[in-house]
Amino acid sequence: QVQLIESGGALVQAGGSLRLSCAASGRTGAYDYAVGWFRQTPGKEREFVACQNWNDRYYVDVVKGRFTLSGDAVKNTVYLQMNNLKPEDTAVYYCAATPLFSPGYDYNRATSWPYWGQGTQVTVSS
């Protein structure tokens, strides 16, 4: 069982930056699992944002060049650095984890991730 706790959400102006954190605890550390970020707005499905699996990182096209994943193995924490934020980035951001996966795994789907945090709100004002 893996527990995930997100933090770092806030209200920020367009063009600003935030760093979200996802701290993992439980029976294993963050680097025994792939860690992903999804986001969700009211009435919409949870949307894939980014994930790290082994040393590979994947990003949805709309955040490439603006969002960056990084990690701290000592703290069992994964970070999502978000730069040049836009109003359309406004959402509740969720951290997720799944056992390290092989090529072909459908990481874009929320149902592919069994462990979830509680979410953190990011609001970008125009």
Foldseek 3Di string as FASTA:
>chain_A
DKAWAKDWADEEAAQAKIKMKIFIDDPDFLLQWKKFKWWDDPPDDTWGAWIDANNDIDGDPVQPPFWDWDDDRVRSMIMIIGGRDDQVVWTWMKMFIDGRDDPPQPPGDPVSTDYIYPTGTHGYHD
